[in-house]
């Protein structure tokens, strides 16, 4: 069991090193969005869209990741495969939710007041 976990982590590390030209800027942008979400968390009216974006993207990732790797659900025969698919999907959902919260924190309130209400 530990070998499979080590192998999965090693593959992720090697892929990150191979694609560091976009991993470093993406990580920097993610840290900026995370910091803005921590400094100024979304208000009650903005929490539902942030949560919905995370859930929708996690479900989409769960359904699309096997096909993106030229595999299918039938190829997921070992429990570690299902665990990694679930963990990657949740990680993508959390990343999208944090990004959405950070973007909501960066939007000034005066811009939102200028948008006409549907009420």
PDB file of N, CA and C in Angstrom:
ATOM      1  N   UNK A   1       0.828  -1.195   0.000  1.00  0.00           N
ATOM      2  CA  UNK A   1       0.000   0.000   0.000  1.00  0.00           C
ATOM      3  C   UNK A   1       0.874   1.261   0.000  1.00  0.00           C
ATOM      4  N   UNK A   2       1.911   1.264   0.806  1.00  0.00           N
ATOM      5  CA  UNK A   2       2.770   2.446   0.868  1.00  0.00           C
ATOM      6  C   UNK A   2       3.482   2.669  -0.456  1.00  0.00           C
ATOM      7  N   UNK A   3       3.772   1.572  -1.176  1.00  0.00           N
ATOM      8  CA  UNK A   3       4.439   1.727  -2.459  1.00  0.00           C
ATOM      9  C   UNK A   3       3.563   2.479  -3.453  1.00  0.00           C
ATOM     10  N   UNK A   4       2.268   2.162  -3.487  1.00  0.00           N
ATOM     11  CA  UNK A   4       1.369   2.834  -4.414  1.00  0.00           C
ATOM     12  C   UNK A   4       1.240   4.317  -4.085  1.00  0.00           C
ATOM     13  N   UNK A   5       1.177   4.623  -2.795  1.00  0.00           N
ATOM     14  CA  UNK A   5       1.089   6.034  -2.393  1.00  0.00           C
ATOM     15  C   UNK A   5       2.369   6.768  -2.774  1.00  0.00           C
ATOM     16  N   UNK A   6       3.524   6.148  -2.502  1.00  0.00           N
ATOM     17  CA  UNK A   6       4.797   6.759  -2.855  1.00  0.00           C
ATOM     18  C   UNK A   6       4.903   6.926  -4.367  1.00  0.00           C
ATOM     19  N   UNK A   7       4.477   5.942  -5.118  1.00  0.00           N
ATOM     20  CA  UNK A   7       4.529   6.021  -6.569  1.00  0.00           C
ATOM     21  C   UNK A   7       3.645   7.159  -7.082  1.00  0.00           C
ATOM     22  N   UNK A   8       2.440   7.297  -6.525  1.00  0.00           N
ATOM     23  CA  UNK A   8       1.553   8.389  -6.934  1.00  0.00           C
ATOM     24  C   UNK A   8       2.143   9.748  -6.621  1.00  0.00           C
ATOM     25  N   UNK A   9       2.714   9.902  -5.430  1.00  0.00           N
ATOM     26  CA  UNK A   9       3.340  11.176  -5.069  1.00  0.00           C
ATOM     27  C   UNK A   9       4.556  11.475  -5.931  1.00  0.00           C
ATOM     28  N   UNK A  10       5.329  10.448  -6.242  1.00  0.00           N
ATOM     29  CA  UNK A  10       6.508  10.632  -7.074  1.00  0.00           C
ATOM     30  C   UNK A  10       6.120  11.053  -8.490  1.00  0.00           C
ATOM     31  N   UNK A  11       5.055  10.493  -9.020  1.00  0.00           N
ATOM     32  CA  UNK A  11       4.592  10.862 -10.359  1.00  0.00           C
ATOM     33  C   UNK A  11       4.123  12.309 -10.375  1.00  0.00           C
ATOM     34  N   UNK A  12       3.370  12.715  -9.353  1.00  0.00           N
ATOM     35  CA  UNK A  12       2.905  14.105  -9.271  1.00  0.00           C
ATOM     36  C   UNK A  12       4.090  15.052  -9.172  1.00  0.00           C
ATOM     37  N   UNK A  13       5.098  14.709  -8.373  1.00  0.00           N
ATOM     38  CA  UNK A  13       6.278  15.558  -8.223  1.00  0.00           C
ATOM     39  C   UNK A  13       7.032  15.682  -9.550  1.00  0.00           C
ATOM     40  N   UNK A  14       7.230  14.574 -10.239  1.00  0.00           N
ATOM     41  CA  UNK A  14       7.959  14.616 -11.506  1.00  0.00           C
ATOM     42  C   UNK A  14       7.187  15.402 -12.573  1.00  0.00           C
ATOM     43  N   UNK A  15       5.860  15.269 -12.581  1.00  0.00           N
ATOM     44  CA  UNK A  15       5.063  16.053 -13.523  1.00  0.00           C
ATOM     45  C   UNK A  15       5.140  17.541 -13.211  1.00  0.00           C
ATOM     46  N   UNK A  16       5.127  17.888 -11.919  1.00  0.00           N
ATOM     47  CA  UNK A  16       5.251  19.298 -11.530  1.00  0.00           C
ATOM     48  C   UNK A  16       6.611  19.850 -11.944  1.00  0.00           C
ATOM     49  N   UNK A  17       7.666  19.071 -11.780  1.00  0.00           N
ATOM     50  CA  UNK A  17       8.992  19.526 -12.207  1.00  0.00           C
ATOM     51  C   UNK A  17       9.067  19.682 -13.722  1.00  0.00           C
ATOM     52  N   UNK A  18       8.431  18.765 -14.434  1.00  0.00           N
ATOM     53  CA  UNK A  18       8.481  18.810 -15.886  1.00  0.00           C
ATOM     54  C   UNK A  18       7.730  20.037 -16.431  1.00  0.00           C
ATOM     55  N   UNK A  19       6.672  20.437 -15.748  1.00  0.00           N
ATOM     56  CA  UNK A  19       5.842  21.550 -16.212  1.00  0.00           C
ATOM     57  C   UNK A  19       5.972  22.770 -15.309  1.00  0.00           C
ATOM     58  N   UNK A  20       7.144  22.983 -14.746  1.00  0.00           N
ATOM     59  CA  UNK A  20       7.308  24.073 -13.781  1.00  0.00           C
ATOM     60  C   UNK A  20       7.153  25.445 -14.411  1.00  0.00           C
ATOM     61  N   UNK A  21       7.224  25.541 -15.732  1.00  0.00           N
ATOM     62  CA  UNK A  21       7.049  26.841 -16.391  1.00  0.00           C
ATOM     63  C   UNK A  21       5.645  27.396 -16.204  1.00  0.00           C
ATOM     64  N   UNK A  22       4.664  26.545 -16.033  1.00  0.00           N
ATOM     65  CA  UNK A  22       3.308  27.040 -15.756  1.00  0.00           C
ATOM     66  C   UNK A  22       2.846  26.691 -14.350  1.00  0.00           C
ATOM     67  N   UNK A  23       3.488  25.740 -13.694  1.00  0.00           N
ATOM     68  CA  UNK A  23       3.102  25.393 -12.325  1.00  0.00           C
ATOM     69  C   UNK A  23       3.469  26.521 -11.362  1.00  0.00           C
ATOM     70  N   UNK A  24       4.633  27.130 -11.542  1.00  0.00           N
ATOM     71  CA  UNK A  24       5.059  28.212 -10.644  1.00  0.00           C
ATOM     72  C   UNK A  24       4.157  29.438 -10.773  1.00  0.00           C
ATOM     73  N   UNK A  25       3.863  29.948 -11.992  1.00  0.00           N
ATOM     74  CA  UNK A  25       2.924  31.085 -12.067  1.00  0.00           C
ATOM     75  C   UNK A  25       1.517  30.734 -11.576  1.00  0.00           C
ATOM     76  N   UNK A  26       1.053  29.532 -11.880  1.00  0.00           N
ATOM     77  CA  UNK A  26      -0.279  29.137 -11.411  1.00  0.00           C
ATOM     78  C   UNK A  26      -0.305  29.043  -9.890  1.00  0.00           C
ATOM     79  N   UNK A  27       0.756  28.530  -9.295  1.00  0.00           N
ATOM     80  CA  UNK A  27       0.833  28.468  -7.842  1.00  0.00           C
ATOM     81  C   UNK A  27       0.899  29.847  -7.205  1.00  0.00           C
ATOM     82  N   UNK A  28       1.616  30.762  -7.858  1.00  0.00           N
ATOM     83  CA  UNK A  28       1.699  32.132  -7.353  1.00  0.00           C
ATOM     84  C   UNK A  28       0.330  32.804  -7.390  1.00  0.00           C
ATOM     85  N   UNK A  29      -0.377  32.652  -8.492  1.00  0.00           N
ATOM     86  CA  UNK A  29      -1.725  33.229  -8.612  1.00  0.00           C
ATOM     87  C   UNK A  29      -2.651  32.596  -7.569  1.00  0.00           C
ATOM     88  N   UNK A  30      -2.517  31.282  -7.367  1.00  0.00           N
ATOM     89  CA  UNK A  30      -3.353  30.602  -6.375  1.00  0.00           C
ATOM     90  C   UNK A  30      -3.068  31.124  -4.972  1.00  0.00           C
ATOM     91  N   UNK A  31      -1.796  31.373  -4.651  1.00  0.00           N
ATOM     92  CA  UNK A  31      -1.453  31.914  -3.334  1.00  0.00           C
ATOM     93  C   UNK A  31      -2.000  33.331  -3.150  1.00  0.00           C
ATOM     94  N   UNK A  32      -1.970  34.130  -4.204  1.00  0.00           N
ATOM     95  CA  UNK A  32      -2.528  35.484  -4.123  1.00  0.00           C
ATOM     96  C   UNK A  32      -4.034  35.422  -3.878  1.00  0.00           C
ATOM     97  N   UNK A  33      -4.721  34.550  -4.610  1.00  0.00           N
ATOM     98  CA  UNK A  33      -6.166  34.410  -4.419  1.00  0.00           C
ATOM     99  C   UNK A  33      -6.496  33.854  -3.030  1.00  0.00           C
ATOM    100  N   UNK A  34      -5.673  32.916  -2.554  1.00  0.00           N
ATOM    101  CA  UNK A  34      -5.881  32.373  -1.212  1.00  0.00           C
ATOM    102  C   UNK A  34      -5.686  33.457  -0.158  1.00  0.00           C
ATOM    103  N   UNK A  35      -4.646  34.265  -0.321  1.00  0.00           N
ATOM    104  CA  UNK A  35      -4.399  35.340   0.645  1.00  0.00           C
ATOM    105  C   UNK A  35      -5.535  36.356   0.638  1.00  0.00           C
ATOM    106  N   UNK A  36      -6.033  36.697  -0.546  1.00  0.00           N
ATOM    107  CA  UNK A  36      -7.136  37.662  -0.604  1.00  0.00           C
ATOM    108  C   UNK A  36      -8.418  37.071  -0.016  1.00  0.00           C
ATOM    109  N   UNK A  37      -8.619  35.765  -0.163  1.00  0.00           N
ATOM    110  CA  UNK A  37      -9.797  35.133   0.438  1.00  0.00           C
ATOM    111  C   UNK A  37      -9.682  35.062   1.956  1.00  0.00           C
ATOM    112  N   UNK A  38      -8.455  34.915   2.465  1.00  0.00           N
ATOM    113  CA  UNK A  38      -8.261  34.867   3.921  1.00  0.00           C
ATOM    114  C   UNK A  38      -8.404  36.256   4.522  1.00  0.00           C
ATOM    115  N   UNK A  39      -7.819  37.246   3.857  1.00  0.00           N
ATOM    116  CA  UNK A  39      -7.858  38.612   4.381  1.00  0.00           C
ATOM    117  C   UNK A  39      -9.285  39.153   4.367  1.00  0.00           C
ATOM    118  N   UNK A  40      -9.991  38.860   3.303  1.00  0.00           N
ATOM    119  CA  UNK A  40     -11.355  39.381   3.151  1.00  0.00           C
ATOM    120  C   UNK A  40     -12.273  38.249   2.702  1.00  0.00           C
ATOM    121  N   UNK A  41     -12.759  37.434   3.641  1.00  0.00           N
ATOM    122  CA  UNK A  41     -13.597  36.298   3.249  1.00  0.00           C
ATOM    123  C   UNK A  41     -14.910  36.758   2.615  1.00  0.00           C
ATOM    124  N   UNK A  42     -15.484  35.927   1.757  1.00  0.00           N
ATOM    125  CA  UNK A  42     -16.736  36.326   1.105  1.00  0.00           C
ATOM    126  C   UNK A  42     -17.871  36.491   2.104  1.00  0.00           C
ATOM    127  N   UNK A  43     -18.711  37.459   1.826  1.00  0.00           N
ATOM    128  CA  UNK A  43     -19.877  37.685   2.685  1.00  0.00           C
ATOM    129  C   UNK A  43     -20.911  36.604   2.452  1.00  0.00           C
ATOM    130  N   UNK A  44     -21.960  36.643   3.251  1.00  0.00           N
ATOM    131  CA  UNK A  44     -22.986  35.600   3.187  1.00  0.00           C
ATOM    132  C   UNK A  44     -23.613  35.514   1.799  1.00  0.00           C
ATOM    133  N   UNK A  45     -23.794  36.624   1.141  1.00  0.00           N
ATOM    134  CA  UNK A  45     -24.411  36.605  -0.181  1.00  0.00           C
ATOM    135  C   UNK A  45     -23.523  36.037  -1.266  1.00  0.00           C
ATOM    136  N   UNK A  46     -22.231  35.979  -0.999  1.00  0.00           N
ATOM    137  CA  UNK A  46     -21.294  35.475  -2.004  1.00  0.00           C
ATOM    138  C   UNK A  46     -20.815  34.064  -1.706  1.00  0.00           C
ATOM    139  N   UNK A  47     -21.207  33.489  -0.588  1.00  0.00           N
ATOM    140  CA  UNK A  47     -20.715  32.160  -0.221  1.00  0.00           C
ATOM    141  C   UNK A  47     -21.357  31.055  -1.046  1.00  0.00           C
ATOM    142  N   UNK A  48     -22.625  31.185  -1.343  1.00  0.00           N
ATOM    143  CA  UNK A  48     -23.314  30.126  -2.095  1.00  0.00           C
ATOM    144  C   UNK A  48     -22.736  29.944  -3.494  1.00  0.00           C
ATOM    145  N   UNK A  49     -22.476  31.005  -4.265  1.00  0.00           N
ATOM    146  CA  UNK A  49     -21.863  30.786  -5.578  1.00  0.00           C
ATOM    147  C   UNK A  49     -20.455  30.199  -5.491  1.00  0.00           C
ATOM    148  N   UNK A  50     -19.715  30.579  -4.467  1.00  0.00           N
ATOM    149  CA  UNK A  50     -18.363  30.031  -4.284  1.00  0.00           C
ATOM    150  C   UNK A  50     -18.449  28.532  -4.010  1.00  0.00           C
ATOM    151  N   UNK A  51     -19.330  28.136  -3.118  1.00  0.00           N
ATOM    152  CA  UNK A  51     -19.517  26.722  -2.789  1.00  0.00           C
ATOM    153  C   UNK A  51     -20.023  25.952  -4.011  1.00  0.00           C
ATOM    154  N   UNK A  52     -20.970  26.537  -4.727  1.00  0.00           N
ATOM    155  CA  UNK A  52     -21.520  25.871  -5.912  1.00  0.00           C
ATOM    156  C   UNK A  52     -20.452  25.673  -6.982  1.00  0.00           C
ATOM    157  N   UNK A  53     -19.598  26.665  -7.170  1.00  0.00           N
ATOM    158  CA  UNK A  53     -18.519  26.531  -8.160  1.00  0.00           C
ATOM    159  C   UNK A  53     -17.590  25.386  -7.781  1.00  0.00           C
ATOM    160  N   UNK A  54     -17.286  25.263  -6.499  1.00  0.00           N
ATOM    161  CA  UNK A  54     -16.421  24.171  -6.056  1.00  0.00           C
ATOM    162  C   UNK A  54     -17.052  22.807  -6.237  1.00  0.00           C
ATOM    163  N   UNK A  55     -18.317  22.679  -5.884  1.00  0.00           N
ATOM    164  CA  UNK A  55     -19.003  21.391  -6.001  1.00  0.00           C
ATOM    165  C   UNK A  55     -19.166  20.989  -7.462  1.00  0.00           C
ATOM    166  N   UNK A  56     -19.583  21.927  -8.296  1.00  0.00           N
ATOM    167  CA  UNK A  56     -19.775  21.618  -9.720  1.00  0.00           C
ATOM    168  C   UNK A  56     -18.457  21.217 -10.367  1.00  0.00           C
ATOM    169  N   UNK A  57     -17.387  21.936 -10.046  1.00  0.00           N
ATOM    170  CA  UNK A  57     -16.095  21.594 -10.647  1.00  0.00           C
ATOM    171  C   UNK A  57     -15.565  20.265 -10.118  1.00  0.00           C
ATOM    172  N   UNK A  58     -15.836  19.925  -8.862  1.00  0.00           N
ATOM    173  CA  UNK A  58     -15.408  18.628  -8.334  1.00  0.00           C
ATOM    174  C   UNK A  58     -16.151  17.488  -9.018  1.00  0.00           C
ATOM    175  N   UNK A  59     -17.447  17.652  -9.230  1.00  0.00           N
ATOM    176  CA  UNK A  59     -18.222  16.615  -9.927  1.00  0.00           C
ATOM    177  C   UNK A  59     -17.767  16.486 -11.372  1.00  0.00           C
ATOM    178  N   UNK A  60     -17.546  17.629 -12.027  1.00  0.00           N
ATOM    179  CA  UNK A  60     -17.064  17.587 -13.411  1.00  0.00           C
ATOM    180  C   UNK A  60     -15.694  16.928 -13.495  1.00  0.00           C
ATOM    181  N   UNK A  61     -14.829  17.230 -12.551  1.00  0.00           N
ATOM    182  CA  UNK A  61     -13.503  16.613 -12.549  1.00  0.00           C
ATOM    183  C   UNK A  61     -13.601  15.112 -12.341  1.00  0.00           C
ATOM    184  N   UNK A  62     -14.488  14.677 -11.448  1.00  0.00           N
ATOM    185  CA  UNK A  62     -14.662  13.246 -11.196  1.00  0.00           C
ATOM    186  C   UNK A  62     -15.109  12.525 -12.464  1.00  0.00           C
ATOM    187  N   UNK A  63     -15.980  13.169 -13.221  1.00  0.00           N
ATOM    188  CA  UNK A  63     -16.498  12.534 -14.434  1.00  0.00           C
ATOM    189  C   UNK A  63     -15.548  12.647 -15.619  1.00  0.00           C
ATOM    190  N   UNK A  64     -14.744  13.710 -15.676  1.00  0.00           N
ATOM    191  CA  UNK A  64     -13.911  13.963 -16.856  1.00  0.00           C
ATOM    192  C   UNK A  64     -12.464  13.505 -16.728  1.00  0.00           C
ATOM    193  N   UNK A  65     -11.951  13.375 -15.512  1.00  0.00           N
ATOM    194  CA  UNK A  65     -10.535  13.012 -15.355  1.00  0.00           C
ATOM    195  C   UNK A  65     -10.166  11.659 -15.957  1.00  0.00           C
ATOM    196  N   UNK A  66     -10.963  10.609 -15.804  1.00  0.00           N
ATOM    197  CA  UNK A  66     -10.560   9.347 -16.442  1.00  0.00           C
ATOM    198  C   UNK A  66     -10.450   9.466 -17.963  1.00  0.00           C
ATOM    199  N   UNK A  67     -11.383  10.156 -18.574  1.00  0.00           N
ATOM    200  CA  UNK A  67     -11.314  10.333 -20.024  1.00  0.00           C
ATOM    201  C   UNK A  67     -10.151  11.203 -20.454  1.00  0.00           C
ATOM    202  N   UNK A  68      -9.778  12.165 -19.614  1.00  0.00           N
ATOM    203  CA  UNK A  68      -8.650  13.033 -19.944  1.00  0.00           C
ATOM    204  C   UNK A  68      -7.335  12.278 -19.905  1.00  0.00           C
ATOM    205  N   UNK A  69      -7.285  11.176 -19.192  1.00  0.00           N
ATOM    206  CA  UNK A  69      -6.071  10.366 -19.124  1.00  0.00           C
ATOM    207  C   UNK A  69      -6.157   9.151 -20.043  1.00  0.00           C
ATOM    208  N   UNK A  70      -7.086   9.192 -20.987  1.00  0.00           N
ATOM    209  CA  UNK A  70      -7.303   8.101 -21.942  1.00  0.00           C
ATOM    210  C   UNK A  70      -7.662   6.787 -21.249  1.00  0.00           C
ATOM    211  N   UNK A  71      -8.378   6.909 -20.147  1.00  0.00           N
ATOM    212  CA  UNK A  71      -8.842   5.725 -19.422  1.00  0.00           C
ATOM    213  C   UNK A  71     -10.356   5.839 -19.279  1.00  0.00           C
ATOM    214  N   UNK A  72     -10.923   4.916 -18.600  1.00  0.00           N
ATOM    215  CA  UNK A  72     -12.351   4.936 -18.334  1.00  0.00           C
ATOM    216  C   UNK A  72     -12.599   4.422 -16.933  1.00  0.00           C
ATOM    217  N   UNK A  73     -13.840   4.490 -16.510  1.00  0.00           N
ATOM    218  CA  UNK A  73     -14.169   3.987 -15.179  1.00  0.00           C
ATOM    219  C   UNK A  73     -13.935   2.478 -15.083  1.00  0.00           C
ATOM    220  N   UNK A  74     -14.021   1.769 -16.193  1.00  0.00           N
ATOM    221  CA  UNK A  74     -13.773   0.330 -16.175  1.00  0.00           C
ATOM    222  C   UNK A  74     -12.305   0.020 -15.874  1.00  0.00           C
ATOM    223  N   UNK A  75     -11.418   0.976 -16.157  1.00  0.00           N
ATOM    224  CA  UNK A  75      -9.999   0.761 -15.893  1.00  0.00           C
ATOM    225  C   UNK A  75      -9.624   0.992 -14.434  1.00  0.00           C
ATOM    226  N   UNK A  76     -10.526   1.518 -13.648  1.00  0.00           N
ATOM    227  CA  UNK A  76     -10.254   1.772 -12.237  1.00  0.00           C
ATOM    228  C   UNK A  76     -10.608   0.520 -11.436  1.00  0.00           C
ATOM    229  N   UNK A  77      -9.692  -0.422 -11.399  1.00  0.00           N
ATOM    230  CA  UNK A  77      -9.985  -1.692 -10.763  1.00  0.00           C
ATOM    231  C   UNK A  77      -9.496  -1.791  -9.335  1.00  0.00           C
ATOM    232  N   UNK A  78      -8.554  -0.972  -8.960  1.00  0.00           N
ATOM    233  CA  UNK A  78      -7.938  -1.063  -7.638  1.00  0.00           C
ATOM    234  C   UNK A  78      -8.455   0.085  -6.784  1.00  0.00           C
ATOM    235  N   UNK A  79      -8.572  -0.116  -5.485  1.00  0.00           N
ATOM    236  CA  UNK A  79      -9.165   0.909  -4.617  1.00  0.00           C
ATOM    237  C   UNK A  79      -8.335   2.179  -4.594  1.00  0.00           C
ATOM    238  N   UNK A  80      -7.016   2.049  -4.809  1.00  0.00           N
ATOM    239  CA  UNK A  80      -6.159   3.237  -4.828  1.00  0.00           C
ATOM    240  C   UNK A  80      -6.517   4.117  -6.025  1.00  0.00           C
ATOM    241  N   UNK A  81      -6.886   3.505  -7.141  1.00  0.00           N
ATOM    242  CA  UNK A  81      -7.296   4.280  -8.313  1.00  0.00           C
ATOM    243  C   UNK A  81      -8.514   5.141  -8.000  1.00  0.00           C
ATOM    244  N   UNK A  82      -9.508   4.550  -7.354  1.00  0.00           N
ATOM    245  CA  UNK A  82     -10.718   5.294  -6.995  1.00  0.00           C
ATOM    246  C   UNK A  82     -10.411   6.375  -5.970  1.00  0.00           C
ATOM    247  N   UNK A  83      -9.538   6.044  -5.023  1.00  0.00           N
ATOM    248  CA  UNK A  83      -9.160   7.012  -4.007  1.00  0.00           C
ATOM    249  C   UNK A  83      -8.448   8.215  -4.626  1.00  0.00           C
ATOM    250  N   UNK A  84      -7.523   7.964  -5.544  1.00  0.00           N
ATOM    251  CA  UNK A  84      -6.812   9.064  -6.195  1.00  0.00           C
ATOM    252  C   UNK A  84      -7.749   9.889  -7.079  1.00  0.00           C
ATOM    253  N   UNK A  85      -8.680   9.234  -7.766  1.00  0.00           N
ATOM    254  CA  UNK A  85      -9.644   9.977  -8.573  1.00  0.00           C
ATOM    255  C   UNK A  85     -10.503  10.871  -7.692  1.00  0.00           C
ATOM    256  N   UNK A  86     -10.970  10.339  -6.571  1.00  0.00           N
ATOM    257  CA  UNK A  86     -11.780  11.126  -5.644  1.00  0.00           C
ATOM    258  C   UNK A  86     -10.964  12.276  -5.052  1.00  0.00           C
ATOM    259  N   UNK A  87      -9.732  11.986  -4.643  1.00  0.00           N
ATOM    260  CA  UNK A  87      -8.881  13.019  -4.038  1.00  0.00           C
ATOM    261  C   UNK A  87      -8.554  14.120  -5.037  1.00  0.00           C
ATOM    262  N   UNK A  88      -8.250  13.764  -6.269  1.00  0.00           N
ATOM    263  CA  UNK A  88      -7.971  14.777  -7.292  1.00  0.00           C
ATOM    264  C   UNK A  88      -9.209  15.619  -7.580  1.00  0.00           C
ATOM    265  N   UNK A  89     -10.365  14.989  -7.626  1.00  0.00           N
ATOM    266  CA  UNK A  89     -11.603  15.728  -7.872  1.00  0.00           C
ATOM    267  C   UNK A  89     -11.898  16.708  -6.747  1.00  0.00           C
ATOM    268  N   UNK A  90     -11.731  16.268  -5.519  1.00  0.00           N
ATOM    269  CA  UNK A  90     -11.947  17.160  -4.377  1.00  0.00           C
ATOM    270  C   UNK A  90     -10.923  18.291  -4.389  1.00  0.00           C
ATOM    271  N   UNK A  91      -9.673  17.977  -4.707  1.00  0.00           N
ATOM    272  CA  UNK A  91      -8.635  19.008  -4.765  1.00  0.00           C
ATOM    273  C   UNK A  91      -8.945  20.052  -5.831  1.00  0.00           C
ATOM    274  N   UNK A  92      -9.435  19.622  -6.964  1.00  0.00           N
ATOM    275  CA  UNK A  92      -9.808  20.569  -8.021  1.00  0.00           C
ATOM    276  C   UNK A  92     -10.991  21.412  -7.571  1.00  0.00           C
ATOM    277  N   UNK A  93     -11.970  20.797  -6.928  1.00  0.00           N
ATOM    278  CA  UNK A  93     -13.110  21.558  -6.412  1.00  0.00           C
ATOM    279  C   UNK A  93     -12.704  22.590  -5.376  1.00  0.00           C
ATOM    280  N   UNK A  94     -11.804  22.213  -4.479  1.00  0.00           N
ATOM    281  CA  UNK A  94     -11.327  23.154  -3.461  1.00  0.00           C
ATOM    282  C   UNK A  94     -10.532  24.284  -4.114  1.00  0.00           C
ATOM    283  N   UNK A  95      -9.700  23.954  -5.094  1.00  0.00           N
ATOM    284  CA  UNK A  95      -8.922  24.981  -5.784  1.00  0.00           C
ATOM    285  C   UNK A  95      -9.831  25.981  -6.502  1.00  0.00           C
ATOM    286  N   UNK A  96     -10.880  25.473  -7.124  1.00  0.00           N
ATOM    287  CA  UNK A  96     -11.819  26.369  -7.803  1.00  0.00           C
ATOM    288  C   UNK A  96     -12.576  27.219  -6.788  1.00  0.00           C
ATOM    289  N   UNK A  97     -12.995  26.624  -5.670  1.00  0.00           N
ATOM    290  CA  UNK A  97     -13.714  27.386  -4.644  1.00  0.00           C
ATOM    291  C   UNK A  97     -12.822  28.468  -4.034  1.00  0.00           C
ATOM    292  N   UNK A  98     -11.560  28.138  -3.766  1.00  0.00           N
ATOM    293  CA  UNK A  98     -10.639  29.141  -3.224  1.00  0.00           C
ATOM    294  C   UNK A  98     -10.405  30.251  -4.232  1.00  0.00           C
ATOM    295  N   UNK A  99     -10.255  29.873  -5.495  1.00  0.00           N
ATOM    296  CA  UNK A  99     -10.069  30.889  -6.531  1.00  0.00           C
ATOM    297  C   UNK A  99     -11.295  31.787  -6.647  1.00  0.00           C
ATOM    298  N   UNK A 100     -12.473  31.187  -6.587  1.00  0.00           N
ATOM    299  CA  UNK A 100     -13.702  31.987  -6.672  1.00  0.00           C
ATOM    300  C   UNK A 100     -13.844  32.901  -5.460  1.00  0.00           C
ATOM    301  N   UNK A 101     -13.483  32.401  -4.277  1.00  0.00           N
ATOM    302  CA  UNK A 101     -13.546  33.237  -3.077  1.00  0.00           C
ATOM    303  C   UNK A 101     -12.553  34.376  -3.166  1.00  0.00           C
ATOM    304  N   UNK A 102     -11.362  34.081  -3.692  1.00  0.00           N
ATOM    305  CA  UNK A 102     -10.366  35.133  -3.869  1.00  0.00           C
ATOM    306  C   UNK A 102     -10.794  36.178  -4.874  1.00  0.00           C
ATOM    307  N   UNK A 103     -11.416  35.722  -5.959  1.00  0.00           N
ATOM    308  CA  UNK A 103     -11.914  36.672  -6.952  1.00  0.00           C
ATOM    309  C   UNK A 103     -13.039  37.523  -6.384  1.00  0.00           C
ATOM    310  N   UNK A 104     -13.919  36.896  -5.590  1.00  0.00           N
ATOM    311  CA  UNK A 104     -14.992  37.666  -4.943  1.00  0.00           C
ATOM    312  C   UNK A 104     -14.421  38.697  -3.983  1.00  0.00           C
ATOM    313  N   UNK A 105     -13.329  38.342  -3.327  1.00  0.00           N
ATOM    314  CA  UNK A 105     -12.711  39.286  -2.389  1.00  0.00           C
ATOM    315  C   UNK A 105     -12.056  40.445  -3.124  1.00  0.00           C
ATOM    316  N   UNK A 106     -11.600  40.207  -4.346  1.00  0.00           N
ATOM    317  CA  UNK A 106     -10.933  41.258  -5.104  1.00  0.00           C
ATOM    318  C   UNK A 106     -11.902  42.210  -5.800  1.00  0.00           C
ATOM    319  N   UNK A 107     -13.165  41.806  -5.955  1.00  0.00           N
ATOM    320  CA  UNK A 107     -14.154  42.674  -6.590  1.00  0.00           C
ATOM    321  C   UNK A 107     -14.601  43.724  -5.583  1.00  0.00           C
ATOM    322  N   UNK A 108     -14.412  44.987  -5.900  1.00  0.00           N
ATOM    323  CA  UNK A 108     -14.843  46.029  -4.950  1.00  0.00           C
ATOM    324  C   UNK A 108     -16.362  46.042  -4.787  1.00  0.00           C
ATOM    325  N   UNK A 109     -16.818  46.374  -3.576  1.00  0.00           N
ATOM    326  CA  UNK A 109     -18.254  46.417  -3.305  1.00  0.00           C
ATOM    327  C   UNK A 109     -18.956  47.486  -4.132  1.00  0.00           C
ATOM    328  N   UNK A 110     -18.256  48.560  -4.430  1.00  0.00           N
ATOM    329  CA  UNK A 110     -18.906  49.625  -5.209  1.00  0.00           C
ATOM    330  C   UNK A 110     -19.237  49.144  -6.619  1.00  0.00           C
ATOM    331  N   UNK A 111     -18.463  48.212  -7.161  1.00  0.00           N
ATOM    332  CA  UNK A 111     -18.801  47.648  -8.466  1.00  0.00           C
ATOM    333  C   UNK A 111     -20.067  46.815  -8.384  1.00  0.00           C
ATOM    334  N   UNK A 112     -20.219  46.079  -7.295  1.00  0.00           N
ATOM    335  CA  UNK A 112     -21.410  45.246  -7.149  1.00  0.00           C
ATOM    336  C   UNK A 112     -22.664  46.081  -6.904  1.00  0.00           C
ATOM    337  N   UNK A 113     -22.516  47.233  -6.268  1.00  0.00           N
ATOM    338  CA  UNK A 113     -23.674  48.094  -6.053  1.00  0.00           C
ATOM    339  C   UNK A 113     -24.164  48.702  -7.369  1.00  0.00           C
ATOM    340  N   UNK A 114     -23.303  48.799  -8.356  1.00  0.00           N
ATOM    341  CA  UNK A 114     -23.697  49.375  -9.640  1.00  0.00           C
ATOM    342  C   UNK A 114     -24.482  48.391 -10.500  1.00  0.00           C
ATOM    343  N   UNK A 115     -24.402  47.113 -10.182  1.00  0.00           N
ATOM    344  CA  UNK A 115     -25.155  46.105 -10.944  1.00  0.00           C
ATOM    345  C   UNK A 115     -26.609  46.165 -10.518  1.00  0.00           C
ATOM    346  N   UNK A 116     -27.537  46.308 -11.461  1.00  0.00           N
ATOM    347  CA  UNK A 116     -28.948  46.373 -11.080  1.00  0.00           C
ATOM    348  C   UNK A 116     -29.421  45.061 -10.476  1.00  0.00           C
ATOM    349  N   UNK A 117     -30.183  45.163  -9.440  1.00  0.00           N
ATOM    350  CA  UNK A 117     -30.704  44.002  -8.754  1.00  0.00           C
ATOM    351  C   UNK A 117     -31.881  43.417  -9.525  1.00  0.00           C
ATOM    352  N   UNK A 118     -32.077  42.109  -9.402  1.00  0.00           N
ATOM    353  CA  UNK A 118     -33.200  41.471 -10.100  1.00  0.00           C
ATOM    354  C   UNK A 118     -34.483  41.556  -9.275  1.00  0.00           C
ATOM    355  N   UNK A 119     -34.412  42.170  -8.106  1.00  0.00           N
ATOM    356  CA  UNK A 119     -35.616  42.270  -7.260  1.00  0.00           C
ATOM    357  C   UNK A 119     -36.517  43.352  -7.732  1.00  0.00           C
TER     358      UNK A 119
END
